[in-house]
Amino acid sequence: MRYDGRREEQEDAGRAGFRMTRVDASLSVRLVRAALVVAGASVMPLLSACSSDDDINLATYVEQTDPADVLYNQGLANLDQGRLKEAGKKFEAVDRQHPYSEQARKSIVMDAFAQYRQGNYDDAINAAKRYVALYPTNPDAAYAQYIIGLSYYRQIRDVTQDQKEARRTIEAMNEVVQRWPDSEYVDDANAKIRFARDQLAGKEMQIGRYYLERREYIAAIKRFRNVVENYSNTRQVEEALSRLTESYYAMGLTNEAQTAAAVLGNNYPDSQWYKDSYALLQSGGLKPSENAGSWLSKAGKAIGAG
């Protein structure tokens, strides 16, 4: 039997993209006193907490605070020019200095995007989760949830390692598909789900092969069966059926071995895995024969579905 080693990593999802509209750059900078009206709620606690000698100079504070639209546009300009770190700082400044402005709302999701592009996946996830929690009905919530999924997806490891990121990718992208079924991110979310499911199935195969090599057939069969029953639309099913043929044959369960090979042949008649399984049975004077009452026969009907 052969096993094709490491899997080729899929490309990042750039195709769904985020539509960024820039506020007209020609907007004149308003007097900062106008921005203070928006941010006043965050300023007043500071004023009331200070004693006479340490009071904040209101005029100085106003002069040092840029308007929300200016900061937001600066963030977009930095994004366009590839200065992701600086862009993130600008978006965070909008959120911090003008928390109740429209630009603050947009800055949260844009900061999530900037953090994602920098590879700061935990920060991207936290910002995007915050956006979804604060603005669940806003159209941009779909994109924020998509960023969460992408951030987990980019951290998926080789099947020889833990696959918690793959599971989290599935959870996050399922949210996109179920809550925003008409969004432009659904197609790519489904693609990421398929990839992550294939990773989980690959992990099961890796563990199953480990047991098979040590002739722990019952433990191996449990893993291969899980792939066939729960990951029937992944690329791992083909090998799983062949490994089941091998495991059942080694245990002397020839009826199950013949059924596994028959289901494999019905679904992948030109597969090398089927040829190997056929040869194994033939070496013992057997050939593939499906038992309709077997769990394999029932599971075989779902292969490739979904």
Foldseek 3Di string as FASTA:
>chain_A
DDDDDWDDDDDAPCPLPDDDDADPPPDDFDQLVVQCVQQVVVVVVQQVVDDDVPGDDVVVVSVPQGHLSVLLNVLVVCVVVVVLVSSLVSLVSSCVRRVPDPSVLVSLQVNLVSCVVVLVLVSSLVSLVVSCVVCVPDPCNLVSLVSNLSSLLVPADILVDDGPSLVSNLVSLVCSCPVPVPRSCNVVSVVSNQVSLLSVLVNLQVVLVVCVVVLVLVSNLVSLVCCLQPVQQHPNVLLSLLVQLVSCVVVVVNQSNLQSLVLSCVVCVPDPSSVVSQVVQVVVVHGRDHDCPDPSVVSSVCHNPD
